[in-house]
């Protein structure tokens, strides 16, 4: 029908297709040097070659293992500490300055420390992933705990709810949407730091293969690994949004999206 808008996924697909066409034409028309930016067809050909090797799949598994492990630790630690600190005003006041001091420190600044402590193994990259992702979750959970209705909180206190009952029936339902937002943000940040750690530290994974391809002059393969990293980011974001929708099925924002 005339005037009918494309769905969001259609617009996204159109944007990707346009980018692929631009990357295909730019080197062939001499706009950029093909030695440094091969056409899309060469990049996809190199990607197909990589997909046929065992080395690629082992590296992909290593990247996903590091990503998931770091994310899981970050989420558990962020939610637990966030709920405890956010539920106790004294703890929140005592830790506020520490959180604001440590949170802006870039994770990549910890690379020398990570290498000194753990060498070039998985633990070094895990340190970066956990540090960066933890703050995403903690800050969101703290915001959620601060958003608890004071009237409901006073009522729970009047009925002498135990701390666990108060957290389960009052704090968590208010905090859950914030926690899921923190999870979604942390999932993307964790992937970024995983690939960054593999690239800069040399931890086994897709990032390390990307660095090896770049240093050996295999430019098409290098871009193929960049494409893989980008696709992983898309998948991670989609999975995080799907999980958020399932966990918060009761929340008005999710029910409104489904109704629309």
Protein backbone atom coordinates (compact mmCIF):
# COMPACT_ATOMS: atom_id res chain seq x y z
CA UNK A 1 0.00 0.00 0.00
CA UNK A 2 1.14 3.53 -0.74
CA UNK A 3 2.46 5.38 2.25
CA UNK A 4 2.94 2.17 4.25
CA UNK A 5 6.13 2.36 6.30
CA UNK A 6 8.76 -0.37 6.32
CA UNK A 7 9.09 -2.27 9.61
CA UNK A 8 12.13 -1.61 11.74
CA UNK A 9 13.89 -4.78 10.59
CA UNK A 10 13.29 -3.78 6.97
CA UNK A 11 14.89 -0.39 7.50
CA UNK A 12 17.82 -2.05 9.23
CA UNK A 13 18.25 -4.53 6.38
CA UNK A 14 18.13 -1.69 3.86
CA UNK A 15 20.84 0.16 5.77
CA UNK A 16 23.09 -2.91 5.83
CA UNK A 17 22.51 -3.54 2.12
CA UNK A 18 23.43 0.07 1.34
CA UNK A 19 26.64 -0.23 3.34
CA UNK A 20 27.58 -3.44 1.54
CA UNK A 21 27.04 -1.79 -1.84
CA UNK A 22 29.12 1.24 -0.84
CA UNK A 23 31.99 -0.96 0.38
CA UNK A 24 31.80 -2.96 -2.86
CA UNK A 25 31.88 0.08 -5.12
CA UNK A 26 34.29 2.37 -3.25
CA UNK A 27 37.48 0.36 -3.94
CA UNK A 28 36.41 -0.62 -7.44
CA UNK A 29 35.84 3.02 -8.38
CA UNK A 30 39.17 4.06 -6.88
CA UNK A 31 37.63 6.11 -4.08
CA UNK A 32 39.67 4.11 -1.54
CA UNK A 33 42.69 1.87 -1.96
CA UNK A 34 41.58 -1.75 -2.32
CA UNK A 35 44.72 -2.82 -0.45
CA UNK A 36 43.28 -1.28 2.70
CA UNK A 37 39.53 -1.76 2.09
CA UNK A 38 38.72 -4.73 -0.17
CA UNK A 39 35.32 -4.93 -1.90
CA UNK A 40 32.45 -6.59 -0.07
CA UNK A 41 32.69 -9.64 -2.35
CA UNK A 42 36.30 -10.29 -1.28
CA UNK A 43 35.47 -9.81 2.41
CA UNK A 44 32.55 -12.23 2.21
CA UNK A 45 34.71 -14.69 0.28
CA UNK A 46 37.34 -14.54 3.03
CA UNK A 47 34.58 -14.98 5.62
CA UNK A 48 33.33 -18.09 3.83
CA UNK A 49 36.87 -19.48 3.82
CA UNK A 50 37.24 -18.79 7.56
CA UNK A 51 33.93 -20.50 8.31
CA UNK A 52 35.32 -23.68 6.80
CA UNK A 53 38.23 -23.91 9.23
CA UNK A 54 38.30 -25.47 12.68
CA UNK A 55 40.47 -22.64 13.96
CA UNK A 56 37.62 -20.17 13.45
CA UNK A 57 35.06 -22.19 15.39
CA UNK A 58 37.48 -22.85 18.26
CA UNK A 59 38.20 -19.11 18.46
CA UNK A 60 34.49 -18.30 18.35
CA UNK A 61 33.86 -20.70 21.22
CA UNK A 62 36.67 -19.11 23.23
CA UNK A 63 35.25 -15.64 22.65
CA UNK A 64 31.75 -16.69 23.67
CA UNK A 65 33.07 -18.50 26.75
CA UNK A 66 35.00 -15.44 27.93
CA UNK A 67 32.04 -13.17 27.17
CA UNK A 68 29.46 -15.33 28.95
CA UNK A 69 31.64 -16.01 31.99
CA UNK A 70 32.45 -12.35 32.49
CA UNK A 71 28.86 -11.29 31.93
CA UNK A 72 27.47 -13.87 34.35
CA UNK A 73 29.86 -12.85 37.12
CA UNK A 74 29.13 -9.17 36.51
CA UNK A 75 25.36 -9.59 36.57
CA UNK A 76 25.29 -11.71 39.72
CA UNK A 77 27.69 -9.40 41.57
CA UNK A 78 25.97 -6.23 40.32
CA UNK A 79 22.46 -7.38 41.23
CA UNK A 80 23.38 -8.77 44.66
CA UNK A 81 25.52 -5.82 45.73
CA UNK A 82 23.12 -3.33 44.16
CA UNK A 83 20.16 -4.75 46.05
CA UNK A 84 22.06 -4.82 49.35
CA UNK A 85 23.60 -1.36 49.03
CA UNK A 86 20.46 0.19 47.57
CA UNK A 87 18.29 -1.18 50.38
CA UNK A 88 20.46 0.25 53.17
CA UNK A 89 20.67 4.07 53.08
CA UNK A 90 23.83 4.11 55.20
CA UNK A 91 25.64 1.74 52.83
CA UNK A 92 24.50 3.77 49.84
CA UNK A 93 25.85 6.98 51.38
CA UNK A 94 29.17 5.38 52.36
CA UNK A 95 29.78 3.80 48.94
CA UNK A 96 28.48 6.62 46.71
CA UNK A 97 31.81 8.43 46.34
CA UNK A 98 33.69 5.16 45.74
CA UNK A 99 31.28 4.14 43.00
CA UNK A 100 31.51 7.52 41.31
CA UNK A 101 35.31 7.39 41.49
CA UNK A 102 35.78 3.87 40.10
CA UNK A 103 32.98 3.76 37.53
CA UNK A 104 34.53 6.19 34.99
CA UNK A 105 37.92 4.43 34.96
CA UNK A 106 38.30 2.95 31.43
CA UNK A 107 38.71 -0.81 31.48
CA UNK A 108 41.49 -0.66 28.87
CA UNK A 109 43.54 1.31 31.41
CA UNK A 110 43.66 -1.89 33.46
CA UNK A 111 45.34 -3.89 30.68
CA UNK A 112 48.87 -3.49 32.14
CA UNK A 113 47.55 -4.54 35.56
CA UNK A 114 45.72 -7.53 34.09
CA UNK A 115 48.82 -8.71 32.23
CA UNK A 116 50.98 -8.34 35.35
CA UNK A 117 48.48 -10.34 37.42
CA UNK A 118 47.34 -13.02 34.99
CA UNK A 119 49.59 -12.91 31.92
CA UNK A 120 47.94 -13.25 28.51
CA UNK A 121 45.41 -15.91 29.45
CA UNK A 122 41.64 -15.77 29.63
CA UNK A 123 41.73 -14.37 33.18
CA UNK A 124 43.27 -11.09 31.98
CA UNK A 125 40.44 -10.41 29.55
CA UNK A 126 37.92 -11.57 32.14
CA UNK A 127 39.17 -8.88 34.49
CA UNK A 128 38.45 -6.21 31.87
CA UNK A 129 35.05 -7.66 31.01
CA UNK A 130 33.92 -7.97 34.62
CA UNK A 131 35.13 -4.52 35.56
CA UNK A 132 33.37 -2.80 32.65
CA UNK A 133 30.14 -4.80 32.82
CA UNK A 134 29.76 -4.75 36.60
CA UNK A 135 29.21 -1.00 36.74
CA UNK A 136 26.53 -1.16 34.06
CA UNK A 137 24.48 -3.49 36.25
CA UNK A 138 25.30 -2.00 39.64
CA UNK A 139 24.38 1.58 38.74
CA UNK A 140 21.08 0.48 37.22
CA UNK A 141 20.16 -1.66 40.23
CA UNK A 142 21.05 1.16 42.61
CA UNK A 143 18.75 3.46 40.63
CA UNK A 144 15.97 0.89 40.82
CA UNK A 145 16.37 0.44 44.57
CA UNK A 146 16.18 4.21 45.03
CA UNK A 147 12.93 4.26 43.03
CA UNK A 148 10.98 2.12 45.51
CA UNK A 149 7.73 3.81 46.51
CA UNK A 150 8.31 5.37 49.96
CA UNK A 151 4.69 4.70 50.97
CA UNK A 152 5.08 1.01 50.13
CA UNK A 153 8.40 0.97 51.96
CA UNK A 154 6.83 2.50 55.08
CA UNK A 155 3.98 0.00 54.88
CA UNK A 156 6.42 -2.91 54.72
CA UNK A 157 8.26 -1.51 57.70
CA UNK A 158 5.01 -1.12 59.61
CA UNK A 159 4.12 -4.76 58.97
CA UNK A 160 7.63 -5.69 60.07
CA UNK A 161 8.61 -7.49 56.88
CA UNK A 162 11.89 -9.33 57.17
CA UNK A 163 14.75 -7.99 55.00
CA UNK A 164 14.45 -10.93 52.59
CA UNK A 165 10.66 -10.54 52.32
CA UNK A 166 11.04 -6.82 51.71
CA UNK A 167 13.59 -7.41 48.95
CA UNK A 168 11.53 -10.17 47.34
CA UNK A 169 8.13 -8.45 47.41
CA UNK A 170 9.04 -4.77 47.24
CA UNK A 171 12.57 -3.98 46.10
CA UNK A 172 13.00 -6.60 43.38
CA UNK A 173 9.74 -5.90 41.48
CA UNK A 174 10.74 -2.23 41.32
CA UNK A 175 14.36 -2.95 40.49
CA UNK A 176 13.81 -5.71 37.90
CA UNK A 177 13.29 -3.37 34.90
CA UNK A 178 16.45 -1.46 35.85
CA UNK A 179 18.37 -4.72 36.29
CA UNK A 180 17.31 -5.96 32.85
CA UNK A 181 18.40 -2.67 31.30
CA UNK A 182 21.74 -3.12 33.05
CA UNK A 183 21.97 -6.67 31.70
CA UNK A 184 21.32 -5.49 28.15
CA UNK A 185 23.96 -2.77 28.43
CA UNK A 186 26.42 -5.10 30.13
CA UNK A 187 25.99 -7.78 27.45
CA UNK A 188 27.14 -5.39 24.73
CA UNK A 189 29.93 -3.90 26.84
CA UNK A 190 31.15 -7.38 27.77
CA UNK A 191 31.41 -8.36 24.11
CA UNK A 192 33.30 -5.18 23.26
CA UNK A 193 35.81 -5.75 26.07
CA UNK A 194 36.14 -9.45 25.21
CA UNK A 195 37.20 -8.69 21.64
CA UNK A 196 39.34 -5.76 22.81
CA UNK A 197 41.16 -7.93 25.34
CA UNK A 198 41.77 -10.65 22.77
CA UNK A 199 43.08 -8.08 20.31
CA UNK A 200 45.36 -6.15 22.67
CA UNK A 201 46.36 -8.79 25.21
CA UNK A 202 46.44 -11.78 22.89
CA UNK A 203 43.87 -13.88 24.70
CA UNK A 204 42.68 -16.69 22.38
CA UNK A 205 39.52 -15.80 20.46
CA UNK A 206 38.15 -13.89 17.48
CA UNK A 207 39.96 -10.72 18.52
CA UNK A 208 43.33 -12.49 18.49
CA UNK A 209 42.67 -13.89 15.01
CA UNK A 210 41.74 -10.39 13.89
CA UNK A 211 45.05 -9.04 15.19
CA UNK A 212 47.02 -11.86 13.56
CA UNK A 213 45.29 -11.23 10.22
CA UNK A 214 46.08 -7.51 10.44
CA UNK A 215 49.75 -8.02 11.30
CA UNK A 216 50.21 -10.62 8.55
CA UNK A 217 48.65 -8.43 5.86
CA UNK A 218 45.57 -10.61 5.33
CA UNK A 219 43.32 -7.57 4.99
CA UNK A 220 40.25 -9.37 3.64
CA UNK A 221 40.39 -11.89 6.50
CA UNK A 222 40.82 -9.04 8.98
CA UNK A 223 37.60 -7.43 7.74
CA UNK A 224 35.92 -10.85 7.81
CA UNK A 225 36.65 -11.08 11.53
CA UNK A 226 35.35 -7.52 11.98
CA UNK A 227 32.11 -8.66 10.33
CA UNK A 228 31.94 -11.64 12.70
CA UNK A 229 32.39 -9.35 15.70
CA UNK A 230 29.63 -7.09 14.39
CA UNK A 231 27.27 -10.01 13.85
CA UNK A 232 27.98 -11.24 17.37
CA UNK A 233 27.00 -7.81 18.66
CA UNK A 234 23.69 -7.95 16.78
CA UNK A 235 22.92 -11.43 18.11
CA UNK A 236 23.88 -10.51 21.68
CA UNK A 237 21.64 -7.44 21.60
CA UNK A 238 18.73 -9.44 20.15
CA UNK A 239 19.09 -12.18 22.77
CA UNK A 240 19.29 -9.61 25.58
CA UNK A 241 16.15 -7.86 24.35
CA UNK A 242 14.32 -11.18 24.03
CA UNK A 243 15.32 -12.17 27.56
CA UNK A 244 14.23 -8.77 28.85
CA UNK A 245 10.83 -9.20 27.20
CA UNK A 246 10.36 -12.66 28.74
CA UNK A 247 11.46 -11.73 32.25
CA UNK A 248 9.41 -8.51 32.29
CA UNK A 249 6.29 -9.94 30.62
CA UNK A 250 4.27 -8.49 33.50
CA UNK A 251 5.68 -4.99 33.19
CA UNK A 252 3.45 -2.30 31.56
CA UNK A 253 6.22 -1.23 29.15
CA UNK A 254 6.58 -4.76 27.74
CA UNK A 255 2.84 -5.35 27.58
CA UNK A 256 2.48 -2.03 25.75
CA UNK A 257 5.11 -3.03 23.16
CA UNK A 258 3.36 -6.34 22.53
CA UNK A 259 -0.02 -4.68 22.19
CA UNK A 260 1.43 -2.21 19.67
